[in-house]
Amino acid sequence: MTLLATDNRNADQVAYWNGPAGERWRARQQDQDTLLAPVADLLLQRAAPSAGEVVLDIGCGCGFTTIELARRVVPGGRVLGIDLSAPMLERARERKPADLPIELIETDATAYAFEPGAADLLFSRFGVMFFAEPQKSFANMRRGLRRGARLAFACWREPQRNPWLMLPLEEAYRHVPRLPPANPEEPGPFAFADERRVRGILQGAGFGQVSMEPVDLSLDIGVGRGIDAAVEAAMSVGPASRALEGQPPELRAAAAAAIRAALMRYQAGKVVALPGAIWIVTATNP
């Protein structure tokens, strides 16, 4: 692991995304890109990257959005993709087309020395909910933006609005111990669910014209491959995977059976689609 810069308060996230979780996301790159493609499409529409622009892609992961952004900013533009996860960035480097203006850096956006005033767009698909001190992180990222630059990111709304993640977790809890209760503002997938909190973070970091658009989704967690793929996905990434990590095989098998039974209520042929809900957040750098 060769992080260029990091903030000590994000050490838990560095460890998590460079451990088994990062490896699972790397292994499931194609499925995750397919699952989240509707989010990427909508977010790219709202962000409106154009030729000649410089873009910062925060939490770029395995590189899907970084590549799509780069295709939209040529000629003349470039994209800097940054992430904490060495396994996911390795996959991004494998996928990066040689003819696109992409730079990938393993670093922490809270501490990285962005080129001052260089970027036109700060972009992230689910990569900004994991900072220990998010206002500090966004203030640092804003230093890399020119005046008038745009911000656009997607984050999850409340857990109860996201059965695609929470239903498998509740079924797993029938057979394995519950995870310790989390503070809703702790780093994690739902840390930005509260609209008032997100507005406060961004305004405190110096952004203006903050807008939050609620979007409801239907997410096929089996990505067209049916119930077996849906169960595998539910147990590989997301909250249920955290609850099941390290559990003995017999409990994992019992949890898998419970998850399968619950997901079958949503099955229609090879599609297993559950509700999801996000915010599309936009703002400007005054």
Protein backbone atom coordinates (compact mmCIF):
# COMPACT_ATOMS: atom_id res chain seq x y z
CA MET A 1 0.00 0.00 0.00
CA THR A 2 1.58 3.29 -1.12
CA LEU A 3 -0.86 6.06 -0.19
CA LEU A 4 0.48 9.38 -1.41
CA ALA A 5 -1.25 11.28 1.43
CA THR A 6 -3.71 10.42 4.17
CA ASP A 7 -5.48 11.90 7.17
CA ASN A 8 -5.05 9.78 10.31
CA ARG A 9 -8.76 10.01 11.12
CA ASN A 10 -9.53 8.09 7.92
CA ALA A 11 -7.24 5.19 8.88
CA ASP A 12 -10.17 2.79 9.42
CA GLN A 13 -11.43 3.45 5.90
CA VAL A 14 -7.95 3.00 4.46
CA ALA A 15 -7.70 -0.40 6.17
CA TYR A 16 -11.21 -1.45 5.14
CA TRP A 17 -10.90 -0.62 1.44
CA ASN A 18 -7.45 -2.19 1.22
CA GLY A 19 -8.61 -5.43 2.83
CA PRO A 20 -11.11 -8.11 1.76
CA ALA A 21 -13.78 -5.50 0.97
CA GLY A 22 -11.60 -3.83 -1.66
CA GLU A 23 -10.76 -7.20 -3.15
CA ARG A 24 -14.45 -8.14 -3.35
CA TRP A 25 -15.32 -4.86 -5.08
CA ARG A 26 -12.47 -5.42 -7.51
CA ALA A 27 -13.68 -8.97 -8.25
CA ARG A 28 -17.24 -7.75 -8.74
CA GLN A 29 -16.31 -4.71 -10.83
CA GLN A 30 -18.33 -5.64 -13.90
CA ASP A 31 -21.48 -6.51 -11.94
CA GLN A 32 -21.26 -3.35 -9.83
CA ASP A 33 -20.81 -1.19 -12.91
CA THR A 34 -23.89 -2.79 -14.47
CA LEU A 35 -25.95 -2.45 -11.29
CA LEU A 36 -25.05 1.21 -10.80
CA ALA A 37 -25.09 2.27 -14.46
CA PRO A 38 -28.43 4.12 -14.09
CA VAL A 39 -26.89 6.24 -11.34
CA ALA A 40 -23.80 6.99 -13.41
CA ASP A 41 -25.91 7.97 -16.41
CA LEU A 42 -28.06 10.38 -14.39
CA LEU A 43 -25.10 11.86 -12.53
CA LEU A 44 -23.18 12.45 -15.75
CA GLN A 45 -26.22 14.25 -17.17
CA ARG A 46 -26.40 16.53 -14.15
CA ALA A 47 -22.63 17.14 -14.05
CA ALA A 48 -22.49 17.87 -17.81
CA PRO A 49 -18.73 17.45 -18.35
CA SER A 50 -17.60 18.91 -21.67
CA ALA A 51 -14.56 19.05 -23.93
CA GLY A 52 -11.56 20.81 -22.47
CA GLU A 53 -12.59 20.50 -18.82
CA VAL A 54 -10.46 19.24 -15.93
CA VAL A 55 -12.37 16.84 -13.65
CA LEU A 56 -11.64 15.41 -10.20
CA ASP A 57 -13.29 11.98 -9.74
CA ILE A 58 -13.34 11.29 -5.99
CA GLY A 59 -13.55 7.68 -4.82
CA CYS A 60 -13.17 6.54 -8.40
CA GLY A 61 -12.89 2.87 -7.44
CA CYS A 62 -12.42 0.55 -10.41
CA GLY A 63 -12.59 3.43 -12.86
CA PHE A 64 -15.99 3.25 -14.56
CA THR A 65 -16.92 6.89 -14.01
CA THR A 66 -13.34 8.07 -14.58
CA ILE A 67 -13.33 6.54 -18.05
CA GLU A 68 -16.79 7.89 -18.89
CA LEU A 69 -15.76 11.37 -17.75
CA ALA A 70 -12.59 11.25 -19.83
CA ARG A 71 -14.56 10.35 -22.94
CA ARG A 72 -16.59 13.50 -22.45
CA VAL A 73 -13.75 15.97 -21.83
CA VAL A 74 -11.63 15.19 -24.89
CA PRO A 75 -10.19 16.95 -26.70
CA GLY A 76 -8.27 19.20 -24.37
CA GLY A 77 -9.51 17.99 -21.00
CA ARG A 78 -8.26 15.51 -18.43
CA VAL A 79 -9.50 13.51 -15.43
CA LEU A 80 -7.79 12.85 -12.11
CA GLY A 81 -9.25 9.79 -10.40
CA ILE A 82 -8.35 9.26 -6.76
CA ASP A 83 -9.17 6.50 -4.30
CA LEU A 84 -7.94 4.96 -1.06
CA SER A 85 -8.19 1.38 -2.36
CA ALA A 86 -5.12 -0.12 -4.00
CA PRO A 87 -7.01 -3.23 -5.25
CA MET A 88 -9.70 -1.13 -6.92
CA LEU A 89 -7.20 1.31 -8.45
CA GLU A 90 -5.23 -1.63 -9.82
CA ARG A 91 -8.36 -2.71 -11.67
CA ALA A 92 -8.91 0.87 -12.87
CA ARG A 93 -5.39 0.95 -14.29
CA GLU A 94 -6.00 -2.35 -16.09
CA ARG A 95 -9.13 -0.92 -17.72
CA LYS A 96 -7.88 2.57 -18.55
CA PRO A 97 -7.79 3.16 -22.32
CA ALA A 98 -4.33 4.31 -23.37
CA ASP A 99 -5.73 7.12 -25.52
CA LEU A 100 -7.73 8.84 -22.76
CA PRO A 101 -6.30 11.63 -20.55
CA ILE A 102 -6.60 9.88 -17.19
CA GLU A 103 -4.35 10.01 -14.12
CA LEU A 104 -5.06 7.65 -11.21
CA ILE A 105 -3.66 8.31 -7.73
CA GLU A 106 -3.92 6.27 -4.54
CA THR A 107 -4.52 8.95 -1.94
CA ASP A 108 -6.92 10.46 0.59
CA ALA A 109 -8.89 13.47 -0.68
CA THR A 110 -8.78 14.95 2.82
CA ALA A 111 -5.00 15.35 2.69
CA TYR A 112 -4.02 15.35 -0.98
CA ALA A 113 -2.45 18.56 -2.30
CA PHE A 114 -4.72 19.28 -5.27
CA GLU A 115 -3.40 21.65 -7.92
CA PRO A 116 -4.95 24.94 -6.76
CA GLY A 117 -7.79 26.33 -8.87
CA ALA A 118 -7.25 23.87 -11.72
CA ALA A 119 -10.44 21.81 -12.00
CA ASP A 120 -13.81 22.65 -13.54
CA LEU A 121 -15.76 19.80 -11.95
CA LEU A 122 -15.67 17.81 -8.70
CA PHE A 123 -17.49 14.51 -9.31
CA SER A 124 -18.22 11.39 -7.28
CA ARG A 125 -20.47 8.37 -7.53
CA PHE A 126 -20.80 7.13 -3.94
CA GLY A 127 -17.24 8.06 -3.01
CA VAL A 128 -17.67 10.91 -0.52
CA MET A 129 -19.62 9.38 2.39
CA PHE A 130 -16.59 7.85 4.10
CA PHE A 131 -14.68 10.83 5.49
CA ALA A 132 -14.25 11.16 9.25
CA GLU A 133 -14.38 14.97 8.94
CA PRO A 134 -16.31 15.60 5.74
CA GLN A 135 -16.31 19.40 5.97
CA LYS A 136 -12.53 19.36 6.19
CA SER A 137 -12.37 16.94 3.25
CA PHE A 138 -14.65 19.05 1.04
CA ALA A 139 -12.77 22.22 1.94
CA ASN A 140 -9.54 20.57 0.79
CA MET A 141 -11.13 19.35 -2.45
CA ARG A 142 -12.56 22.80 -3.12
CA ARG A 143 -9.02 24.19 -3.19
CA GLY A 144 -8.54 22.22 -6.39
CA LEU A 145 -11.46 23.99 -8.11
CA ARG A 146 -11.45 27.20 -10.09
CA ARG A 147 -13.97 29.92 -9.26
CA GLY A 148 -17.34 29.01 -10.72
CA ALA A 149 -16.49 25.30 -10.89
CA ARG A 150 -19.22 22.70 -10.35
CA LEU A 151 -19.73 19.88 -7.86
CA ALA A 152 -21.88 16.82 -8.58
CA PHE A 153 -22.10 13.64 -6.56
CA ALA A 154 -24.48 10.80 -5.75
CA CYS A 155 -25.08 9.46 -2.24
CA TRP A 156 -27.61 7.10 -0.67
CA ARG A 157 -30.71 8.34 1.12
CA GLU A 158 -32.07 6.75 4.33
CA PRO A 159 -31.57 3.00 4.92
CA GLN A 160 -35.33 2.35 4.97
CA ARG A 161 -35.55 3.76 1.44
CA ASN A 162 -32.93 1.25 0.24
CA PRO A 163 -34.35 -2.27 0.64
CA TRP A 164 -31.87 -3.53 -1.97
CA LEU A 165 -29.22 -3.14 0.75
CA MET A 166 -31.22 -3.50 3.96
CA LEU A 167 -33.48 -6.46 3.19
CA PRO A 168 -30.53 -8.90 2.86
CA LEU A 169 -29.05 -7.49 6.08
CA GLU A 170 -32.27 -8.01 8.06
CA GLU A 171 -32.53 -11.58 6.76
CA ALA A 172 -28.91 -12.24 7.71
CA TYR A 173 -29.66 -10.98 11.23
CA ARG A 174 -32.03 -13.92 11.68
CA HIS A 175 -28.93 -16.11 11.93
CA VAL A 176 -25.89 -13.99 12.84
CA PRO A 177 -25.30 -11.36 15.55
CA ARG A 178 -26.23 -7.78 14.78
CA LEU A 179 -23.45 -5.35 14.07
CA PRO A 180 -22.89 -2.68 16.73
CA PRO A 181 -25.35 0.18 16.20
CA ALA A 182 -23.77 2.94 14.16
CA ASN A 183 -24.08 6.67 14.58
CA PRO A 184 -25.93 7.82 11.44
CA GLU A 185 -23.18 10.40 10.86
CA GLU A 186 -20.33 7.88 11.04
CA PRO A 187 -18.49 7.23 7.76
CA GLY A 188 -20.44 4.70 5.74
CA PRO A 189 -22.92 4.30 2.89
CA PHE A 190 -25.72 6.24 4.66
CA ALA A 191 -23.62 9.00 6.23
CA PHE A 192 -25.06 11.57 3.78
CA ALA A 193 -28.69 10.47 3.98
CA ASP A 194 -29.75 13.58 5.93
CA GLU A 195 -30.34 16.54 3.63
CA ARG A 196 -29.74 19.16 6.32
CA ARG A 197 -26.41 17.62 7.28
CA VAL A 198 -25.15 17.50 3.68
CA ARG A 199 -26.13 21.10 3.03
CA GLY A 200 -24.35 22.14 6.23
CA ILE A 201 -21.17 20.27 5.30
CA LEU A 202 -20.99 21.77 1.82
CA GLN A 203 -21.86 25.29 2.87
CA GLY A 204 -19.37 25.06 5.72
CA ALA A 205 -16.71 23.98 3.24
CA GLY A 206 -17.42 27.07 1.12
CA PHE A 207 -19.70 25.77 -1.62
CA GLY A 208 -22.74 27.68 -2.79
CA GLN A 209 -25.99 27.02 -4.66
CA VAL A 210 -26.35 23.59 -3.05
CA SER A 211 -29.16 21.52 -4.59
CA MET A 212 -30.28 18.03 -3.57
CA GLU A 213 -32.48 16.06 -5.96
CA PRO A 214 -34.15 12.90 -4.57
CA VAL A 215 -34.20 10.03 -7.05
CA ASP A 216 -35.97 6.68 -6.61
CA LEU A 217 -34.52 3.66 -8.37
CA SER A 218 -35.22 0.02 -9.14
CA LEU A 219 -31.98 -1.96 -8.89
CA ASP A 220 -31.64 -5.48 -10.30
CA ILE A 221 -29.15 -6.92 -7.84
CA GLY A 222 -28.80 -10.08 -9.92
CA VAL A 223 -27.89 -7.96 -12.99
CA GLY A 224 -30.03 -10.10 -15.28
CA ARG A 225 -28.71 -13.45 -14.07
CA GLY A 226 -31.48 -14.40 -11.66
CA ILE A 227 -31.86 -15.37 -8.04
CA ASP A 228 -28.53 -17.17 -7.55
CA ALA A 229 -26.58 -14.13 -8.72
CA ALA A 230 -28.75 -11.87 -6.55
CA VAL A 231 -28.02 -13.90 -3.41
CA GLU A 232 -24.31 -13.97 -4.20
CA ALA A 233 -24.29 -10.20 -4.68
CA ALA A 234 -26.14 -9.58 -1.42
CA MET A 235 -23.60 -11.67 0.48
CA SER A 236 -20.53 -10.22 -1.24
CA VAL A 237 -20.93 -6.44 -0.93
CA GLY A 238 -22.96 -4.09 1.21
CA PRO A 239 -24.14 -4.26 4.84
CA ALA A 240 -25.06 -7.96 4.77
CA SER A 241 -21.53 -8.87 3.71
CA ARG A 242 -20.15 -7.01 6.74
CA ALA A 243 -22.50 -8.88 9.09
CA LEU A 244 -21.57 -12.24 7.55
CA GLU A 245 -17.82 -11.69 7.44
CA GLY A 246 -16.02 -14.24 9.61
CA GLN A 247 -19.17 -16.20 10.47
CA PRO A 248 -19.02 -20.03 10.40
CA PRO A 249 -20.17 -21.83 7.24
CA GLU A 250 -23.38 -23.18 8.78
CA LEU A 251 -24.57 -19.72 9.78
CA ARG A 252 -23.64 -18.28 6.39
CA ALA A 253 -25.60 -21.07 4.71
CA ALA A 254 -28.64 -20.41 6.90
CA ALA A 255 -28.42 -16.68 6.17
CA ALA A 256 -28.13 -17.39 2.45
CA ALA A 257 -31.32 -19.47 2.55
CA ALA A 258 -33.18 -16.68 4.35
CA ILE A 259 -31.90 -14.05 1.91
CA ARG A 260 -32.92 -16.23 -1.04
CA ALA A 261 -36.45 -16.67 0.29
CA ALA A 262 -36.84 -12.92 0.81
CA LEU A 263 -35.45 -11.99 -2.60
CA MET A 264 -37.65 -14.47 -4.42
CA ARG A 265 -40.60 -12.18 -3.65
CA TYR A 266 -38.98 -9.65 -6.00
CA GLN A 267 -38.03 -12.09 -8.76
CA ALA A 268 -39.50 -11.70 -12.24
CA GLY A 269 -37.77 -14.14 -14.55
CA LYS A 270 -34.06 -13.36 -14.45
CA VAL A 271 -34.62 -9.95 -12.86
CA VAL A 272 -34.49 -9.43 -9.08
CA ALA A 273 -35.21 -5.71 -8.72
CA LEU A 274 -35.52 -3.94 -5.37
CA PRO A 275 -36.11 -0.28 -4.53
CA GLY A 276 -33.22 2.10 -3.95
CA ALA A 277 -33.05 5.82 -3.27
CA ILE A 278 -30.30 8.39 -3.79
CA TRP A 279 -29.56 12.10 -3.67
CA ILE A 280 -28.04 13.80 -6.68
CA VAL A 281 -26.17 16.67 -5.06
CA THR A 282 -24.93 19.67 -7.05
CA ALA A 283 -23.25 22.91 -5.99
CA THR A 284 -20.82 25.55 -7.21
CA ASN A 285 -17.53 27.00 -6.04
CA PRO A 286 -18.23 30.75 -5.66
